N, C-alpha and C. Protein backbone atom coordinates (compact mmCIF):
# COMPACT_ATOMS: atom_id res chain seq x y z
N MET A 1 14.93 -10.08 6.19
CA MET A 1 16.56 -9.79 6.31
C MET A 1 17.21 -10.96 6.90
N THR A 2 17.73 -11.56 6.98
CA THR A 2 18.77 -12.67 8.09
C THR A 2 19.50 -11.84 8.19
N ASN A 3 19.84 -11.96 9.52
CA ASN A 3 21.00 -10.77 10.43
C ASN A 3 21.97 -9.85 10.10
N THR A 4 22.33 -11.28 8.90
CA THR A 4 23.66 -10.51 8.26
C THR A 4 23.21 -9.46 7.03
N ASN A 5 22.01 -9.82 6.37
CA ASN A 5 21.49 -8.73 5.50
C ASN A 5 21.04 -7.80 6.26
N ARG A 6 20.42 -7.63 7.89
CA ARG A 6 20.22 -6.50 8.34
C ARG A 6 21.21 -5.67 9.06
N GLN A 7 22.31 -6.77 9.10
CA GLN A 7 23.64 -5.84 9.04
C GLN A 7 24.40 -5.03 8.16
N THR A 8 24.22 -5.59 7.03
CA THR A 8 24.04 -4.78 5.76
C THR A 8 23.45 -3.77 5.47
N LEU A 9 22.33 -3.82 5.31
CA LEU A 9 20.96 -2.95 5.41
C LEU A 9 21.80 -1.64 6.77
N LEU A 10 21.94 -2.19 7.85
CA LEU A 10 22.21 -0.74 8.71
C LEU A 10 23.38 -0.49 8.39
N GLY A 11 24.70 -1.01 7.70
CA GLY A 11 25.59 -0.53 7.04
C GLY A 11 26.13 0.02 6.06
N SER A 12 24.77 0.00 5.07
CA SER A 12 24.68 0.44 3.98
C SER A 12 24.08 1.98 4.51
N LEU A 13 23.69 2.12 5.34
CA LEU A 13 23.25 3.45 5.71
C LEU A 13 24.49 4.54 5.42
N PRO A 14 24.14 5.49 4.77
CA PRO A 14 25.21 6.62 4.67
C PRO A 14 26.00 7.24 5.59
N THR A 15 27.13 7.17 5.56
CA THR A 15 27.59 7.89 6.98
C THR A 15 27.51 9.33 6.98
N SER A 16 27.46 9.89 5.81
CA SER A 16 27.30 11.70 5.70
C SER A 16 26.23 11.76 4.80
N PHE A 17 25.08 12.52 4.21
CA PHE A 17 24.34 12.78 3.39
C PHE A 17 24.51 14.05 2.98
N ASP A 18 24.62 13.95 1.29
CA ASP A 18 24.85 15.44 0.35
C ASP A 18 23.87 16.05 -0.10
N LYS A 19 22.60 15.31 0.08
CA LYS A 19 21.89 16.19 -0.57
C LYS A 19 20.64 16.82 0.27
N GLY A 20 20.14 18.12 0.21
CA GLY A 20 19.38 19.19 0.61
C GLY A 20 20.30 20.03 1.64
N PRO A 21 19.34 20.60 2.37
CA PRO A 21 19.75 21.47 2.96
C PRO A 21 20.63 20.55 4.41
N ASP A 22 21.51 21.79 5.11
CA ASP A 22 22.06 21.43 6.14
C ASP A 22 21.00 20.99 7.46
N TRP A 23 19.87 21.50 7.81
CA TRP A 23 19.18 20.77 8.39
C TRP A 23 18.48 19.38 8.11
N LEU A 24 18.60 19.25 6.81
CA LEU A 24 18.03 17.72 6.53
C LEU A 24 19.09 16.99 6.51
N ARG A 25 20.16 17.28 6.11
CA ARG A 25 21.64 16.19 6.19
C ARG A 25 21.98 15.88 7.64
N ALA A 26 21.13 17.15 8.64
CA ALA A 26 22.22 17.07 9.71
C ALA A 26 20.91 15.54 10.59
N LEU A 27 19.52 15.76 10.10
CA LEU A 27 18.34 14.89 10.62
C LEU A 27 18.20 13.56 9.87
N ARG A 28 18.72 13.33 9.11
CA ARG A 28 19.06 12.00 8.34
C ARG A 28 20.33 11.91 8.96
N GLY A 29 21.25 12.15 9.48
CA GLY A 29 22.78 11.85 10.37
C GLY A 29 22.06 11.09 11.36
N ARG A 30 20.85 11.62 12.38
CA ARG A 30 20.98 11.91 13.67
C ARG A 30 19.97 10.31 13.32
N ALA A 31 18.90 10.56 12.46
CA ALA A 31 18.16 9.24 12.31
C ALA A 31 19.02 8.02 11.88
N ALA A 32 20.30 8.12 11.00
CA ALA A 32 20.70 6.89 10.55
C ALA A 32 21.90 6.60 12.05
N GLU A 33 22.34 7.66 13.10
CA GLU A 33 22.87 6.78 13.90
C GLU A 33 21.92 6.16 14.83
N THR A 34 20.94 6.63 15.19
CA THR A 34 20.09 5.85 15.80
C THR A 34 19.86 4.47 15.35
N LEU A 35 19.56 4.31 14.46
CA LEU A 35 19.58 3.02 13.81
C LEU A 35 20.96 2.22 14.23
N ARG A 36 21.64 2.91 14.12
CA ARG A 36 23.30 2.42 13.80
C ARG A 36 23.63 2.01 15.47
N GLU A 37 22.77 2.43 16.27
CA GLU A 37 22.81 2.41 17.69
C GLU A 37 22.08 1.08 18.30
N HIS A 38 20.85 1.33 17.81
CA HIS A 38 19.54 0.64 18.23
C HIS A 38 19.03 -0.22 17.34
N GLY A 39 19.50 -0.32 16.14
CA GLY A 39 19.39 -1.71 15.29
C GLY A 39 17.59 -1.04 14.77
N LEU A 40 17.12 -2.31 14.17
CA LEU A 40 15.39 -3.00 13.90
C LEU A 40 15.07 -3.48 15.35
N PRO A 41 13.67 -3.20 15.24
CA PRO A 41 13.02 -4.10 16.65
C PRO A 41 13.53 -5.82 16.22
N THR A 42 13.40 -6.10 17.75
CA THR A 42 12.88 -7.96 17.91
C THR A 42 11.89 -7.99 19.10
N LYS A 43 11.78 -8.98 18.97
CA LYS A 43 10.61 -9.28 20.29
C LYS A 43 10.79 -9.11 21.72
N ARG A 44 12.18 -8.59 21.93
CA ARG A 44 13.04 -8.27 23.01
C ARG A 44 12.79 -7.15 23.15
N THR A 45 12.83 -6.22 21.86
CA THR A 45 11.85 -4.84 22.09
C THR A 45 10.99 -4.14 22.71
N GLU A 46 10.76 -3.77 24.39
CA GLU A 46 9.38 -3.39 24.86
C GLU A 46 8.39 -3.13 23.98
N ALA A 47 8.53 -1.77 23.13
CA ALA A 47 7.40 -1.06 22.50
C ALA A 47 6.46 -2.01 21.27
N TRP A 48 7.69 -3.36 21.12
CA TRP A 48 7.11 -4.18 19.68
C TRP A 48 7.00 -5.89 20.21
N ARG A 49 7.27 -5.79 21.95
CA ARG A 49 7.13 -7.30 21.76
C ARG A 49 6.22 -7.98 21.75
N PHE A 50 4.84 -7.34 21.35
CA PHE A 50 3.68 -8.29 20.54
C PHE A 50 3.45 -8.30 18.93
N THR A 51 4.63 -7.45 18.64
CA THR A 51 4.66 -7.53 17.09
C THR A 51 5.04 -8.27 16.21
N PRO A 52 4.79 -9.14 15.24
CA PRO A 52 5.70 -10.43 14.68
C PRO A 52 6.21 -9.58 13.65
N VAL A 53 7.33 -8.86 13.81
CA VAL A 53 8.54 -8.35 13.10
C VAL A 53 9.23 -8.51 12.61
N ARG A 54 9.19 -9.99 13.04
CA ARG A 54 10.73 -11.06 12.34
C ARG A 54 10.34 -11.25 10.99
N SER A 55 9.60 -11.47 10.36
CA SER A 55 9.00 -11.61 8.79
C SER A 55 9.30 -10.44 8.23
N VAL A 56 9.39 -9.65 8.93
CA VAL A 56 9.81 -8.28 7.99
C VAL A 56 11.44 -7.99 8.49
N VAL A 57 11.68 -7.83 9.40
CA VAL A 57 13.41 -7.57 9.22
C VAL A 57 14.24 -8.79 8.65
N ASP A 58 13.83 -10.22 8.62
CA ASP A 58 13.83 -11.24 8.17
C ASP A 58 14.13 -11.41 6.76
N ALA A 59 13.86 -10.72 6.30
CA ALA A 59 13.07 -10.80 4.63
C ALA A 59 14.29 -10.01 3.63
N GLU A 60 14.13 -10.41 2.90
CA GLU A 60 14.91 -9.58 1.99
C GLU A 60 13.75 -8.81 0.91
N PHE A 61 14.33 -7.32 0.89
CA PHE A 61 13.30 -6.00 -0.03
C PHE A 61 14.37 -5.43 -0.82
N SER A 62 13.83 -5.37 -2.14
CA SER A 62 14.26 -4.58 -3.10
C SER A 62 13.85 -3.42 -2.96
N ARG A 63 14.87 -2.25 -3.25
CA ARG A 63 14.21 -1.11 -3.09
C ARG A 63 13.33 -0.40 -4.59
N GLU A 64 12.29 0.23 -4.19
CA GLU A 64 11.69 0.48 -5.33
C GLU A 64 12.07 1.99 -5.70
N GLU A 65 11.09 2.91 -6.28
CA GLU A 65 11.50 3.65 -7.27
C GLU A 65 10.67 4.21 -5.83
N GLU A 66 11.25 5.41 -5.48
CA GLU A 66 10.12 5.50 -4.45
C GLU A 66 8.96 6.20 -4.51
N GLY A 67 7.93 5.81 -3.93
CA GLY A 67 6.30 5.71 -4.15
C GLY A 67 6.06 7.09 -3.46
N VAL A 68 5.47 7.84 -3.67
CA VAL A 68 4.67 9.24 -3.34
C VAL A 68 2.97 8.81 -3.80
N PRO A 69 2.66 9.09 -2.34
CA PRO A 69 1.17 8.83 -2.31
C PRO A 69 0.60 9.96 -3.05
N SER A 70 -0.52 9.27 -4.09
CA SER A 70 -1.05 10.31 -4.81
C SER A 70 -2.61 10.60 -4.25
N LEU A 71 -2.98 11.41 -4.29
CA LEU A 71 -4.68 12.03 -4.10
C LEU A 71 -5.55 11.37 -4.72
N ALA A 72 -6.30 10.48 -4.49
CA ALA A 72 -7.54 9.89 -4.93
C ALA A 72 -8.65 10.48 -4.95
N SER A 73 -8.67 11.70 -4.23
CA SER A 73 -9.97 12.61 -4.39
C SER A 73 -9.14 13.89 -4.67
N PRO A 74 -10.01 15.41 -5.31
CA PRO A 74 -9.69 16.33 -5.49
C PRO A 74 -9.31 17.28 -4.25
N LEU A 75 -8.63 18.08 -4.15
CA LEU A 75 -8.27 19.20 -3.11
C LEU A 75 -9.51 20.01 -3.23
N PRO A 76 -10.30 20.33 -1.74
CA PRO A 76 -10.72 21.67 -1.84
C PRO A 76 -10.03 22.68 -1.48
N ASP A 77 -10.72 23.98 -2.17
CA ASP A 77 -10.24 25.38 -2.16
C ASP A 77 -9.51 25.62 -1.34
N GLY A 78 -8.09 25.97 -1.27
CA GLY A 78 -7.43 26.70 0.01
C GLY A 78 -6.58 25.62 0.27
N VAL A 79 -6.88 24.20 0.40
CA VAL A 79 -6.18 23.36 0.45
C VAL A 79 -4.76 22.66 -0.58
N THR A 80 -3.34 22.82 -0.64
CA THR A 80 -2.35 22.24 -1.35
C THR A 80 -2.05 21.12 -0.95
N ALA A 81 -1.30 20.47 -1.64
CA ALA A 81 -0.44 19.18 -1.59
C ALA A 81 0.45 19.34 -2.65
N ARG A 82 1.76 19.33 -2.26
CA ARG A 82 2.76 19.67 -3.27
C ARG A 82 4.19 17.94 -2.70
N SER A 83 4.70 17.91 -3.90
CA SER A 83 6.05 17.24 -3.41
C SER A 83 7.08 17.53 -2.83
N LEU A 84 7.27 16.19 -1.84
CA LEU A 84 8.40 17.16 -0.47
C LEU A 84 9.48 17.33 -1.01
N ARG A 85 10.15 16.07 -2.55
CA ARG A 85 10.95 16.76 -3.08
C ARG A 85 11.33 17.82 -3.51
N ASP A 86 10.31 18.51 -4.10
CA ASP A 86 10.05 19.66 -5.08
C ASP A 86 10.78 20.93 -3.86
N VAL A 87 9.69 21.10 -2.77
CA VAL A 87 9.46 21.75 -1.54
C VAL A 87 11.35 21.73 -1.05
N LEU A 88 11.40 20.60 -0.90
CA LEU A 88 12.82 20.87 -0.48
C LEU A 88 14.19 21.07 -1.52
N ARG A 89 13.83 21.15 -2.78
CA ARG A 89 14.52 21.32 -3.68
C ARG A 89 14.70 23.30 -3.71
N SER A 90 12.94 23.71 -3.97
CA SER A 90 12.90 25.42 -4.22
C SER A 90 12.69 25.96 -2.93
N GLU A 91 12.12 25.60 -2.13
CA GLU A 91 11.57 26.21 -0.86
C GLU A 91 11.98 25.63 0.66
N PRO A 92 13.10 25.00 0.66
CA PRO A 92 12.89 24.15 1.65
C PRO A 92 13.33 24.91 3.26
N GLU A 93 13.24 26.20 3.17
CA GLU A 93 12.97 26.74 4.67
C GLU A 93 11.39 26.48 5.02
N LEU A 94 10.79 26.04 4.36
CA LEU A 94 9.44 25.77 4.89
C LEU A 94 9.07 24.54 5.28
N LEU A 95 10.19 23.35 5.27
CA LEU A 95 10.02 22.36 6.09
C LEU A 95 11.48 22.45 7.22
N ASP A 96 11.91 23.34 7.70
CA ASP A 96 12.77 23.15 8.47
C ASP A 96 12.31 22.77 9.48
N GLY A 97 12.56 22.23 10.94
CA GLY A 97 11.55 21.31 11.82
C GLY A 97 10.26 20.83 12.00
N ARG A 98 10.23 20.62 10.72
CA ARG A 98 8.58 19.71 10.01
C ARG A 98 8.72 18.53 10.02
N LEU A 99 10.20 18.26 9.81
CA LEU A 99 10.18 16.79 9.61
C LEU A 99 10.56 16.00 10.74
N ASP A 100 10.59 16.30 11.81
CA ASP A 100 11.47 15.98 12.91
C ASP A 100 11.05 14.77 13.71
N LEU A 101 9.78 14.78 13.67
CA LEU A 101 8.71 13.63 14.26
C LEU A 101 8.90 14.14 16.13
N GLY A 102 9.10 15.30 16.11
CA GLY A 102 9.16 15.91 17.65
C GLY A 102 10.16 15.13 18.23
N GLY A 103 11.32 14.80 17.79
CA GLY A 103 12.34 14.28 18.48
C GLY A 103 12.94 13.02 17.76
N ALA A 104 13.50 11.89 18.69
CA ALA A 104 14.33 11.34 18.20
C ALA A 104 13.60 10.26 17.38
N PRO A 105 13.60 10.04 16.22
CA PRO A 105 13.04 8.53 16.22
C PRO A 105 13.62 7.39 16.17
N THR A 106 12.75 6.28 16.42
CA THR A 106 13.28 5.26 16.61
C THR A 106 12.87 4.14 15.97
N HIS A 107 13.88 2.92 15.60
CA HIS A 107 13.52 1.78 14.62
C HIS A 107 12.87 2.36 12.87
N PHE A 108 11.89 1.68 12.74
CA PHE A 108 11.29 2.28 11.58
C PHE A 108 11.15 3.25 11.28
N ALA A 109 10.47 4.37 11.85
CA ALA A 109 10.67 5.96 11.48
C ALA A 109 12.04 6.44 11.06
N ALA A 110 13.34 5.68 12.40
CA ALA A 110 14.65 6.30 11.41
C ALA A 110 14.72 5.97 10.48
N LEU A 111 14.84 4.69 9.88
CA LEU A 111 14.50 3.72 9.02
C LEU A 111 14.14 4.70 8.05
N ASN A 112 13.16 5.36 7.46
CA ASN A 112 12.30 6.33 7.38
C ASN A 112 13.26 7.62 6.59
N THR A 113 13.21 7.83 8.35
CA THR A 113 13.87 9.61 8.29
C THR A 113 15.08 9.42 7.33
N ALA A 114 16.31 8.28 7.52
CA ALA A 114 17.48 8.63 6.80
C ALA A 114 17.05 8.15 5.44
N LEU A 115 16.16 7.37 4.91
CA LEU A 115 15.99 7.13 3.52
C LEU A 115 15.39 7.69 2.86
N PHE A 116 14.10 8.22 3.19
CA PHE A 116 13.02 8.56 2.34
C PHE A 116 13.82 9.67 1.05
N ASP A 117 12.67 9.80 -0.08
CA ASP A 117 13.29 10.60 -1.01
C ASP A 117 11.86 11.57 -1.34
N ASP A 118 11.21 11.10 -1.17
CA ASP A 118 10.15 12.03 -1.87
C ASP A 118 9.17 11.86 -0.90
N GLY A 119 8.05 12.30 -0.89
CA GLY A 119 6.59 12.36 -0.41
C GLY A 119 5.85 13.63 -0.71
N LEU A 120 4.55 13.64 0.29
CA LEU A 120 3.90 14.58 -0.02
C LEU A 120 3.49 15.40 1.02
N TRP A 121 2.99 16.97 0.85
CA TRP A 121 3.20 17.93 1.97
C TRP A 121 1.49 18.83 1.80
N ILE A 122 0.63 18.26 2.64
CA ILE A 122 -0.48 19.08 2.58
C ILE A 122 -0.59 19.51 3.08
N ASP A 123 -1.45 20.79 3.57
CA ASP A 123 -1.40 22.53 3.58
C ASP A 123 -2.98 22.65 4.10
N VAL A 124 -3.37 22.45 5.22
CA VAL A 124 -4.80 22.91 5.17
C VAL A 124 -4.87 24.37 6.37
N PRO A 125 -4.86 25.65 5.55
CA PRO A 125 -4.53 26.62 6.30
C PRO A 125 -5.90 26.93 7.18
N ALA A 126 -5.49 27.81 8.19
CA ALA A 126 -6.44 28.04 9.66
C ALA A 126 -7.66 28.61 8.98
N GLY A 127 -8.89 27.62 9.87
CA GLY A 127 -10.18 28.01 9.64
C GLY A 127 -10.56 26.88 8.54
N ASN A 128 -10.03 26.80 7.50
CA ASN A 128 -10.44 25.96 6.41
C ASN A 128 -10.85 24.34 7.30
N VAL A 129 -12.32 24.13 7.36
CA VAL A 129 -13.11 23.04 7.57
C VAL A 129 -13.31 22.07 6.34
N VAL A 130 -12.53 21.03 5.90
CA VAL A 130 -12.56 20.34 4.78
C VAL A 130 -13.65 19.16 5.11
N GLU A 131 -14.91 19.63 4.03
CA GLU A 131 -15.84 18.41 4.31
C GLU A 131 -15.55 17.18 4.47
N ALA A 132 -15.43 16.65 2.96
CA ALA A 132 -15.10 15.78 2.67
C ALA A 132 -13.99 14.99 2.99
N PRO A 133 -13.79 13.92 3.33
CA PRO A 133 -12.14 13.44 3.26
C PRO A 133 -11.04 13.20 2.64
N ILE A 134 -9.99 13.60 2.55
CA ILE A 134 -9.40 13.82 1.40
C ILE A 134 -8.70 11.98 1.57
N GLU A 135 -8.42 11.74 0.40
CA GLU A 135 -7.99 10.43 0.28
C GLU A 135 -6.69 10.76 -0.27
N LEU A 136 -5.72 9.53 -0.02
CA LEU A 136 -4.29 9.15 -0.38
C LEU A 136 -4.09 7.96 -0.81
N ALA A 137 -3.84 7.12 -1.57
CA ALA A 137 -3.15 6.07 -1.86
C ALA A 137 -1.94 5.96 -2.45
N LEU A 138 -1.63 4.30 -2.28
CA LEU A 138 0.05 4.44 -1.95
C LEU A 138 0.14 2.84 -2.98
N ALA A 139 0.47 2.67 -3.92
CA ALA A 139 0.76 1.22 -4.78
C ALA A 139 2.03 1.00 -4.49
N ILE A 140 2.37 0.01 -4.51
CA ILE A 140 3.51 -0.79 -4.82
C ILE A 140 3.55 -1.73 -5.90
N THR A 141 4.09 -1.42 -7.00
CA THR A 141 3.93 -2.21 -8.47
C THR A 141 5.20 -3.06 -8.72
N LYS A 142 6.42 -3.72 -7.51
CA LYS A 142 7.32 -4.43 -8.05
C LYS A 142 6.90 -5.40 -9.01
N SER A 143 7.29 -5.93 -9.69
CA SER A 143 6.39 -7.08 -10.62
C SER A 143 7.22 -8.36 -10.29
N ALA A 144 8.33 -8.68 -9.30
CA ALA A 144 9.36 -9.45 -9.25
C ALA A 144 9.50 -9.20 -7.81
N GLY A 145 9.55 -10.12 -7.00
CA GLY A 145 9.99 -10.39 -5.21
C GLY A 145 9.33 -9.34 -4.76
N ARG A 146 10.08 -8.76 -3.90
CA ARG A 146 9.28 -8.15 -3.06
C ARG A 146 9.93 -6.61 -2.84
N GLY A 147 9.33 -5.62 -2.91
CA GLY A 147 9.40 -4.33 -2.52
C GLY A 147 9.41 -3.53 -1.55
N VAL A 148 10.24 -2.53 -1.42
CA VAL A 148 9.95 -1.86 -0.34
C VAL A 148 10.14 -0.11 -0.49
N VAL A 149 9.51 0.65 -0.18
CA VAL A 149 9.22 2.12 -0.14
C VAL A 149 8.91 2.89 0.92
N TYR A 150 9.73 3.71 1.03
CA TYR A 150 10.07 4.57 2.16
C TYR A 150 9.01 5.69 1.89
N SER A 151 7.75 6.15 2.38
CA SER A 151 6.93 6.86 1.59
C SER A 151 6.78 8.02 3.11
N ARG A 152 6.68 8.93 2.77
CA ARG A 152 6.72 10.14 3.72
C ARG A 152 4.99 10.98 3.20
N VAL A 153 4.70 11.65 4.32
CA VAL A 153 3.30 12.33 4.58
C VAL A 153 3.40 13.31 5.61
N LEU A 154 3.39 14.82 5.20
CA LEU A 154 3.59 15.85 6.11
C LEU A 154 2.37 16.53 6.17
N VAL A 155 1.00 16.30 7.15
CA VAL A 155 0.14 17.51 6.62
C VAL A 155 0.35 18.44 7.98
N THR A 156 -0.23 20.04 7.52
CA THR A 156 -0.01 20.75 8.59
C THR A 156 -1.43 21.59 8.54
N VAL A 157 -2.05 21.60 9.54
CA VAL A 157 -3.49 21.91 9.83
C VAL A 157 -3.23 23.36 10.79
N GLY A 158 -3.77 24.23 9.83
CA GLY A 158 -3.49 25.43 10.63
C GLY A 158 -4.90 25.56 12.38
N ASP A 159 -4.90 26.61 12.72
CA ASP A 159 -5.86 26.69 13.97
C ASP A 159 -7.35 26.88 13.47
N ASP A 160 -8.07 26.32 14.21
CA ASP A 160 -9.64 25.94 13.48
C ASP A 160 -9.89 25.55 12.46
N ALA A 161 -8.80 24.64 12.15
CA ALA A 161 -9.04 24.16 10.66
C ALA A 161 -9.20 22.68 10.86
N GLU A 162 -9.76 21.82 9.99
CA GLU A 162 -10.64 19.97 10.48
C GLU A 162 -10.46 19.30 8.89
N LEU A 163 -9.97 18.45 9.27
CA LEU A 163 -9.31 17.65 8.10
C LEU A 163 -9.46 15.89 8.29
N THR A 164 -10.53 15.21 7.15
CA THR A 164 -10.35 13.74 7.57
C THR A 164 -9.08 13.58 6.66
N LEU A 165 -8.11 12.22 6.89
CA LEU A 165 -7.29 11.58 6.26
C LEU A 165 -7.60 10.05 6.23
N VAL A 166 -7.61 9.80 4.81
CA VAL A 166 -8.01 8.26 4.66
C VAL A 166 -6.62 7.85 3.63
N GLU A 167 -6.25 6.77 4.22
CA GLU A 167 -4.81 6.29 3.58
C GLU A 167 -5.25 4.83 3.11
N THR A 168 -4.61 4.73 2.22
CA THR A 168 -4.97 3.07 1.18
C THR A 168 -3.39 2.83 0.61
N TYR A 169 -3.04 1.58 0.96
CA TYR A 169 -1.82 0.97 0.61
C TYR A 169 -1.94 -0.19 0.25
N ALA A 170 -1.36 -0.81 -0.97
CA ALA A 170 -1.93 -1.61 -1.78
C ALA A 170 -0.09 -2.00 -2.88
N GLY A 171 -0.36 -3.25 -2.70
CA GLY A 171 1.01 -3.88 -3.05
C GLY A 171 0.79 -4.98 -4.08
N GLU A 172 1.70 -5.66 -5.18
CA GLU A 172 1.28 -7.53 -5.59
C GLU A 172 1.69 -8.00 -4.88
N GLU A 173 1.43 -9.53 -5.59
CA GLU A 173 1.80 -10.43 -4.79
C GLU A 173 3.36 -10.94 -4.39
N GLY A 174 3.43 -11.11 -3.52
CA GLY A 174 5.18 -11.50 -3.14
C GLY A 174 5.19 -10.68 -1.89
N GLY A 175 4.33 -9.65 -1.40
CA GLY A 175 4.88 -9.17 -0.21
C GLY A 175 5.60 -8.11 -0.39
N GLN A 176 5.27 -6.85 0.03
CA GLN A 176 5.57 -5.45 0.25
C GLN A 176 5.40 -5.39 0.87
N LEU A 177 7.13 -4.03 1.64
CA LEU A 177 7.03 -3.63 2.69
C LEU A 177 6.38 -1.66 2.61
N THR A 178 5.64 -0.91 3.04
CA THR A 178 6.00 0.12 2.60
C THR A 178 6.07 0.76 4.54
N ASN A 179 6.99 1.56 4.43
CA ASN A 179 7.70 2.04 5.96
C ASN A 179 6.79 3.60 5.61
N SER A 180 6.08 3.57 5.72
CA SER A 180 5.29 5.25 6.25
C SER A 180 5.52 5.72 7.28
N VAL A 181 5.85 7.34 7.35
CA VAL A 181 5.67 8.24 8.24
C VAL A 181 4.70 9.07 7.60
N VAL A 182 3.86 9.31 8.57
CA VAL A 182 2.57 10.63 8.42
C VAL A 182 2.91 11.28 9.55
N GLU A 183 3.08 12.51 9.37
CA GLU A 183 3.45 13.44 10.07
C GLU A 183 2.27 14.52 10.32
N VAL A 184 1.85 14.72 11.47
CA VAL A 184 0.51 15.62 11.24
C VAL A 184 1.14 17.21 12.48
N ASP A 185 1.22 18.07 11.61
CA ASP A 185 1.71 19.37 12.71
C ASP A 185 0.27 20.53 12.89
N LEU A 186 -0.33 20.37 13.48
CA LEU A 186 -1.65 21.12 13.86
C LEU A 186 -0.92 22.35 14.39
N GLY A 187 -1.91 23.27 14.10
CA GLY A 187 -1.69 24.49 14.34
C GLY A 187 -0.84 25.16 14.86
């Protein structure tokens, strides 16, 4: 994105969010405000000074249908995976306080928090030791141009539970952007 497009991206963030429970709308509002205040990172941003972000923030992307990571391997007994969108519609109280990244997100995490539409919640109950890795796959299949997806994964791991999580991201030619946030909530 050019500077103009970068401002357009930030300017296109909703000033208020009308979907979801109050706590989620407030969380998205705080993330959008963080983005308006701090913008996207540059070489002058200390935490990003060695990361070549210009090719990402200066490129134009079109928003993909929301990408939800899919399970590339079956889940063992007791472990569940649910769509974040479905849980937010049917039992939002289960996610209250779990999507806040432990505080104020910055830059790309704030962008994801403001704009993610769906994702995956994996829950490993207490005492459950998962022997085989759980594999997640996310593919962007934009056929023309560059696509962007804001994917979100929440993994809750109960006391004395164990798992290995493997993520795979793929996109077609032309350059894709996956702005992914993976939160792990331990016991």
